[in-house]
Amino acid sequence: MRTAFVPSFSLTQVELPLALVRGFFVAALFSAFGALVFRSLIRAPSENMRGGKALLFDRPSLAYWSVLAAALSMLGWLVLEAVAITDAGSAGEAVTAIPSVIRDTSFGNILAAQALALLGIAAALMIERPARHFGAMGLAGMAVVLQAGHSHAYAMAHGLSLLLLSQVMHLLAAGAWLGGLVPLLLFVREAPSNTSATAAQRFSALGVSCVLVLAATATFQGWALAGGLWGIGRNSLRLGPSDETFEQIGAALLTSMHNATHRKLRQRGLPHAEQALKSRRRDCVAHAAILITRCHMTNADHESGRACLWARPFRLG
């Protein structure tokens, strides 16, 4: 019988800040990737600026700030993981253990690769060339793909698998869509009306594609992690209070971002705005449902789940 390696959310004193910092890192990573996807694939084909004021994305401050936030949260995540792994009793012991965590664990190896990707993004954005955003987008996508290495999909198979591929696709779709919400809102506030309408339509098409990918991958992952129909029947697919809170916050943020964009487009009387925003409303509802469903379908023993996260043995000394 298949065993699911998904930890429950019995958060201890260390695990609560660890979960929050890890979530903030993923959010910042999605923000950087989504901003660069929007800049390269949505804004660039849509706009036709003629003497207008410079937009936020002409100086890529959103991507810069997202990369900085990701780097800082990554550092905090590394320190907290060092505390959790080594049972460090002080900050000094945790800092001392960091080199060993980076060298001797799969978590540290992958996090180091993500750090290099973030440095590459920052360097690419400093290059004064039109193609810099495509290079930065590729590096951001690489950092998002590497995030799958921290998942149960990688820990369960210790290598390439359908579950890992599904997780990669899930992360890329989530990053492109959720990370593009803020850029879309900021863009429609500053861009000319026709350009904003075109961008909204393009982003709506991107959102539909991403939600389809999210729905398919979430269904497959829920099935695989729960052990199929037999596992779903045997496991008490429980959703802890902290999980439910996080999912409600995520759904509220999606709805708020949708409403803000909707109001801005309606105020400016953009053509086709109503049709584009109806599609975006469906996207928000669908993804909120996906988040909650996926969290319901992943539950198992905490200790075995935590142990499987370290594909390489951890050694000190």
Protein backbone atom coordinates (compact mmCIF):
# COMPACT_ATOMS: atom_id res chain seq x y z
CA MET A 1 0.00 0.00 0.00
CA ARG A 2 1.34 3.41 -0.95
CA THR A 3 2.35 5.70 1.87
CA ALA A 4 1.92 9.45 1.58
CA PHE A 5 4.85 11.54 2.79
CA VAL A 6 3.06 14.79 3.51
CA PRO A 7 3.51 16.37 6.94
CA SER A 8 0.52 17.61 8.87
CA PHE A 9 0.52 21.15 10.18
CA SER A 10 1.24 20.63 13.87
CA LEU A 11 3.42 23.72 13.93
CA THR A 12 5.90 24.06 16.78
CA GLN A 13 7.77 27.15 17.94
CA VAL A 14 10.31 26.79 15.14
CA GLU A 15 8.02 25.40 12.46
CA LEU A 16 5.53 28.29 12.51
CA PRO A 17 8.07 30.98 11.55
CA LEU A 18 9.67 28.45 9.21
CA ALA A 19 6.38 27.96 7.36
CA LEU A 20 5.78 31.71 7.18
CA VAL A 21 9.28 32.51 5.90
CA ARG A 22 9.11 29.71 3.35
CA GLY A 23 5.74 30.99 2.15
CA PHE A 24 7.08 34.53 1.88
CA PHE A 25 10.02 33.27 -0.18
CA VAL A 26 7.72 31.47 -2.60
CA ALA A 27 5.49 34.55 -2.86
CA ALA A 28 8.49 36.77 -3.64
CA LEU A 29 9.75 34.25 -6.18
CA PHE A 30 6.35 34.17 -7.86
CA SER A 31 6.25 37.97 -7.84
CA ALA A 32 9.60 38.23 -9.63
CA PHE A 33 8.71 35.55 -12.17
CA GLY A 34 5.21 36.91 -12.77
CA ALA A 35 6.46 40.48 -13.21
CA LEU A 36 9.01 39.37 -15.80
CA VAL A 37 6.50 37.17 -17.61
CA PHE A 38 4.09 40.11 -17.73
CA ARG A 39 6.81 42.45 -18.97
CA SER A 40 8.01 40.10 -21.70
CA LEU A 41 4.83 38.36 -22.87
CA ILE A 42 1.95 40.71 -22.00
CA ARG A 43 3.09 44.29 -21.83
CA ALA A 44 5.66 44.33 -24.65
CA PRO A 45 3.29 43.01 -27.35
CA SER A 46 0.40 45.19 -26.08
CA GLU A 47 1.80 48.65 -25.66
CA ASN A 48 2.46 51.34 -28.20
CA MET A 49 3.70 54.22 -26.07
CA ARG A 50 3.98 57.60 -27.83
CA GLY A 51 5.38 60.29 -25.64
CA GLY A 52 3.59 59.04 -22.53
CA LYS A 53 5.03 59.03 -19.05
CA ALA A 54 7.45 56.29 -18.08
CA LEU A 55 5.74 53.27 -16.60
CA LEU A 56 6.77 51.35 -13.53
CA PHE A 57 8.11 48.56 -15.70
CA ASP A 58 10.42 50.85 -17.66
CA ARG A 59 12.48 50.82 -14.51
CA PRO A 60 12.11 47.24 -13.32
CA SER A 61 11.69 48.14 -9.66
CA LEU A 62 9.00 45.54 -9.03
CA ALA A 63 11.24 42.71 -10.21
CA TYR A 64 14.20 44.16 -8.27
CA TRP A 65 12.23 44.43 -5.05
CA SER A 66 10.82 40.94 -5.52
CA VAL A 67 14.32 39.52 -6.00
CA LEU A 68 15.54 41.37 -2.90
CA ALA A 69 12.59 40.08 -0.86
CA ALA A 70 13.25 36.55 -2.11
CA ALA A 71 16.93 36.80 -1.18
CA LEU A 72 16.21 38.05 2.34
CA SER A 73 13.51 35.46 2.99
CA MET A 74 15.80 32.77 1.57
CA LEU A 75 18.42 33.71 4.15
CA GLY A 76 15.85 33.52 6.93
CA TRP A 77 14.62 30.18 5.64
CA LEU A 78 18.17 28.81 5.62
CA VAL A 79 18.80 29.89 9.21
CA LEU A 80 15.51 28.47 10.49
CA GLU A 81 16.07 25.18 8.67
CA ALA A 82 19.54 24.98 10.21
CA VAL A 83 17.93 25.42 13.63
CA ALA A 84 15.32 22.75 12.88
CA ILE A 85 17.79 20.20 11.50
CA THR A 86 20.54 20.57 14.08
CA ASP A 87 18.38 21.42 17.09
CA ALA A 88 20.59 24.45 17.61
CA GLY A 89 20.17 26.04 21.00
CA SER A 90 21.38 29.49 19.97
CA ALA A 91 21.71 31.72 16.94
CA GLY A 92 25.47 31.17 16.93
CA GLU A 93 25.08 27.40 16.67
CA ALA A 94 22.58 27.81 13.83
CA VAL A 95 24.91 30.11 11.88
CA THR A 96 27.81 27.70 12.43
CA ALA A 97 25.74 24.84 11.00
CA ILE A 98 24.76 26.75 7.82
CA PRO A 99 27.80 25.65 5.71
CA SER A 100 27.11 22.01 6.55
CA VAL A 101 23.42 22.41 5.70
CA ILE A 102 24.30 23.93 2.32
CA ARG A 103 26.93 21.29 1.56
CA ASP A 104 25.39 18.11 2.93
CA THR A 105 21.65 18.36 2.30
CA SER A 106 19.59 18.43 -0.87
CA PHE A 107 17.76 21.40 0.63
CA GLY A 108 21.00 23.36 0.87
CA ASN A 109 22.15 22.36 -2.62
CA ILE A 110 18.89 23.48 -4.21
CA LEU A 111 18.73 26.69 -2.19
CA ALA A 112 22.28 27.55 -3.30
CA ALA A 113 21.26 27.04 -6.93
CA GLN A 114 18.26 29.30 -6.39
CA ALA A 115 20.54 31.94 -4.88
CA LEU A 116 22.69 31.86 -8.02
CA ALA A 117 19.55 32.23 -10.14
CA LEU A 118 18.49 35.29 -8.13
CA LEU A 119 21.94 36.83 -8.62
CA GLY A 120 21.60 36.14 -12.33
CA ILE A 121 18.22 37.88 -12.44
CA ALA A 122 19.63 40.98 -10.75
CA ALA A 123 22.59 41.03 -13.13
CA ALA A 124 20.37 40.57 -16.20
CA LEU A 125 18.12 43.46 -15.18
CA MET A 126 21.16 45.74 -14.95
CA ILE A 127 22.10 45.14 -18.58
CA GLU A 128 20.89 47.96 -20.82
CA ARG A 129 19.55 45.77 -23.61
CA PRO A 130 15.98 45.14 -24.77
CA ALA A 131 16.35 41.37 -24.41
CA ARG A 132 17.37 41.59 -20.75
CA HIS A 133 13.85 40.86 -19.56
CA PHE A 134 13.73 37.59 -21.48
CA GLY A 135 17.00 36.47 -19.91
CA ALA A 136 15.81 37.51 -16.46
CA MET A 137 12.49 35.73 -17.06
CA GLY A 138 14.34 32.53 -17.95
CA LEU A 139 16.43 32.70 -14.79
CA ALA A 140 13.35 33.42 -12.68
CA GLY A 141 11.64 30.43 -14.26
CA MET A 142 14.68 28.33 -13.38
CA ALA A 143 14.43 29.44 -9.74
CA VAL A 144 10.73 28.52 -9.71
CA VAL A 145 11.50 25.11 -11.24
CA LEU A 146 14.15 24.50 -8.59
CA GLN A 147 11.53 25.15 -5.93
CA ALA A 148 10.04 21.78 -6.89
CA GLY A 149 13.19 20.24 -5.42
CA HIS A 150 11.95 21.26 -1.97
CA SER A 151 8.66 19.45 -2.49
CA HIS A 152 7.39 16.03 -1.52
CA ALA A 153 7.37 15.11 -5.21
CA TYR A 154 11.17 15.18 -5.26
CA ALA A 155 11.61 13.67 -1.80
CA MET A 156 9.37 10.70 -2.53
CA ALA A 157 11.09 9.70 -5.78
CA HIS A 158 14.58 11.17 -5.17
CA GLY A 159 14.74 12.15 -8.82
CA LEU A 160 12.73 12.69 -11.99
CA SER A 161 9.16 11.42 -11.88
CA LEU A 162 5.70 12.26 -13.19
CA LEU A 163 4.86 13.71 -9.79
CA LEU A 164 7.90 16.00 -9.91
CA LEU A 165 7.09 17.09 -13.47
CA SER A 166 3.56 17.84 -12.34
CA GLN A 167 4.90 19.95 -9.48
CA VAL A 168 7.18 21.89 -11.85
CA MET A 169 4.27 22.68 -14.16
CA HIS A 170 2.11 23.64 -11.18
CA LEU A 171 4.69 26.08 -9.85
CA LEU A 172 5.34 27.68 -13.23
CA ALA A 173 1.63 28.17 -13.88
CA ALA A 174 1.03 29.58 -10.40
CA GLY A 175 4.01 31.91 -10.66
CA ALA A 176 3.08 33.23 -14.10
CA TRP A 177 -0.53 33.87 -13.16
CA LEU A 178 -0.46 34.90 -9.49
CA GLY A 179 2.80 36.80 -9.92
CA GLY A 180 1.29 38.76 -12.80
CA LEU A 181 -1.67 40.13 -10.83
CA VAL A 182 0.19 43.08 -9.32
CA PRO A 183 1.92 44.01 -12.62
CA LEU A 184 -1.45 43.96 -14.38
CA LEU A 185 -3.03 46.26 -11.79
CA LEU A 186 -0.13 48.70 -11.92
CA PHE A 187 -0.02 48.63 -15.71
CA VAL A 188 -3.69 49.45 -16.27
CA ARG A 189 -3.33 52.43 -13.92
CA GLU A 190 -0.62 54.04 -16.04
CA ALA A 191 -0.95 52.78 -19.60
CA PRO A 192 -3.20 54.32 -22.28
CA SER A 193 -6.73 52.93 -22.48
CA ASN A 194 -6.32 50.85 -25.64
CA THR A 195 -3.04 49.38 -24.41
CA SER A 196 -4.60 48.49 -21.05
CA ALA A 197 -7.52 46.74 -22.73
CA THR A 198 -5.20 44.70 -24.94
CA ALA A 199 -3.02 43.75 -21.98
CA ALA A 200 -6.08 42.70 -19.95
CA GLN A 201 -7.27 40.46 -22.77
CA ARG A 202 -3.84 38.89 -23.21
CA PHE A 203 -3.48 38.32 -19.49
CA SER A 204 -6.94 36.77 -19.36
CA ALA A 205 -5.87 34.24 -22.00
CA LEU A 206 -2.72 33.51 -19.99
CA GLY A 207 -4.79 33.12 -16.83
CA VAL A 208 -7.14 30.60 -18.44
CA SER A 209 -4.19 28.51 -19.63
CA CYS A 210 -2.54 28.65 -16.20
CA VAL A 211 -5.73 27.69 -14.37
CA LEU A 212 -6.19 24.67 -16.63
CA VAL A 213 -2.64 23.57 -15.84
CA LEU A 214 -3.19 24.19 -12.13
CA ALA A 215 -6.41 22.18 -12.12
CA ALA A 216 -4.85 19.22 -13.91
CA THR A 217 -1.65 19.14 -11.85
CA ALA A 218 -3.42 19.70 -8.52
CA THR A 219 -5.79 16.82 -9.25
CA PHE A 220 -2.93 14.50 -10.17
CA GLN A 221 -0.82 15.51 -7.16
CA GLY A 222 -3.72 15.11 -4.76
CA TRP A 223 -4.38 11.64 -6.15
CA ALA A 224 -0.72 10.61 -6.01
CA LEU A 225 0.07 12.03 -2.57
CA ALA A 226 -3.05 10.58 -1.00
CA GLY A 227 -2.30 7.12 -2.42
CA GLY A 228 -5.11 7.05 -4.97
CA LEU A 229 -8.74 6.34 -4.19
CA TRP A 230 -7.80 3.74 -1.55
CA GLY A 231 -5.55 6.21 0.24
CA ILE A 232 -8.20 8.91 0.09
CA GLY A 233 -10.65 6.55 1.72
CA ARG A 234 -8.25 5.52 4.49
CA ASN A 235 -6.79 8.92 5.30
CA SER A 236 -8.87 11.36 7.29
CA LEU A 237 -8.25 14.16 4.81
CA ARG A 238 -8.23 16.75 7.54
CA LEU A 239 -7.44 20.39 7.08
CA GLY A 240 -5.81 21.95 10.11
CA PRO A 241 -6.82 25.40 11.38
CA SER A 242 -3.57 26.97 10.19
CA ASP A 243 -4.02 25.45 6.73
CA GLU A 244 -7.55 26.72 6.48
CA THR A 245 -6.47 30.18 7.54
CA PHE A 246 -3.70 30.32 4.94
CA GLU A 247 -6.07 29.15 2.19
CA GLN A 248 -8.72 31.72 3.16
CA ILE A 249 -6.10 34.47 3.09
CA GLY A 250 -4.97 33.34 -0.36
CA ALA A 251 -8.52 33.30 -1.71
CA ALA A 252 -9.19 36.74 -0.21
CA LEU A 253 -6.05 38.17 -1.83
CA LEU A 254 -7.06 36.77 -5.21
CA THR A 255 -10.53 38.28 -4.93
CA SER A 256 -9.22 41.65 -3.72
CA MET A 257 -6.72 41.88 -6.56
CA HIS A 258 -9.43 41.02 -9.07
CA ASN A 259 -11.78 43.66 -7.66
CA ALA A 260 -9.09 46.35 -7.70
CA THR A 261 -8.24 45.65 -11.33
CA HIS A 262 -11.92 45.50 -12.24
CA ARG A 263 -12.64 48.89 -10.68
CA LYS A 264 -9.68 50.49 -12.43
CA LEU A 265 -10.71 49.19 -15.85
CA ARG A 266 -14.35 50.16 -15.33
CA GLN A 267 -13.42 53.67 -14.18
CA ARG A 268 -11.43 54.21 -17.34
CA GLY A 269 -14.19 52.83 -19.56
CA LEU A 270 -11.90 50.48 -21.42
CA PRO A 271 -13.35 48.51 -24.33
CA HIS A 272 -13.94 44.81 -23.69
CA ALA A 273 -13.07 45.34 -20.02
CA GLU A 274 -16.22 43.61 -18.78
CA GLN A 275 -15.61 40.49 -20.87
CA ALA A 276 -11.95 40.27 -19.85
CA LEU A 277 -12.70 40.76 -16.17
CA LYS A 278 -15.49 38.17 -16.16
CA SER A 279 -12.91 35.67 -17.30
CA ARG A 280 -10.55 36.84 -14.56
CA ARG A 281 -13.28 36.40 -11.95
CA ARG A 282 -13.73 32.79 -13.04
CA ASP A 283 -9.95 32.34 -12.81
CA CYS A 284 -9.88 33.60 -9.21
CA VAL A 285 -12.73 31.34 -8.11
CA ALA A 286 -11.22 28.33 -9.85
CA HIS A 287 -7.77 28.78 -8.33
CA ALA A 288 -9.14 29.39 -4.84
CA ALA A 289 -11.03 26.11 -5.16
CA ILE A 290 -7.87 24.37 -6.39
CA LEU A 291 -5.87 25.63 -3.41
CA ILE A 292 -8.40 24.39 -0.88
CA THR A 293 -8.97 21.05 -2.63
CA ARG A 294 -5.27 20.33 -2.91
CA CYS A 295 -4.69 21.11 0.75
CA HIS A 296 -7.55 18.77 1.70
CA MET A 297 -6.02 15.92 -0.30
CA THR A 298 -2.55 16.03 1.27
CA ASN A 299 -2.20 14.64 4.78
CA ALA A 300 0.03 12.07 6.46
CA ASP A 301 2.57 11.48 9.18
CA HIS A 302 4.65 14.52 10.15
CA GLU A 303 7.88 12.81 11.15
CA SER A 304 8.16 10.56 8.09
CA GLY A 305 7.38 13.53 5.87
CA ARG A 306 10.07 15.65 7.45
CA ALA A 307 12.64 12.87 7.26
CA CYS A 308 12.10 12.34 3.54
CA LEU A 309 12.84 15.99 2.78
CA TRP A 310 16.56 15.34 3.10
CA ALA A 311 17.54 13.24 0.10
CA ARG A 312 21.19 13.44 1.12
CA PRO A 313 22.26 12.57 4.67
CA PHE A 314 23.01 15.48 6.94
CA ARG A 315 26.38 15.36 8.68
CA LEU A 316 28.12 17.62 11.14
CA GLY A 317 31.82 17.48 11.89
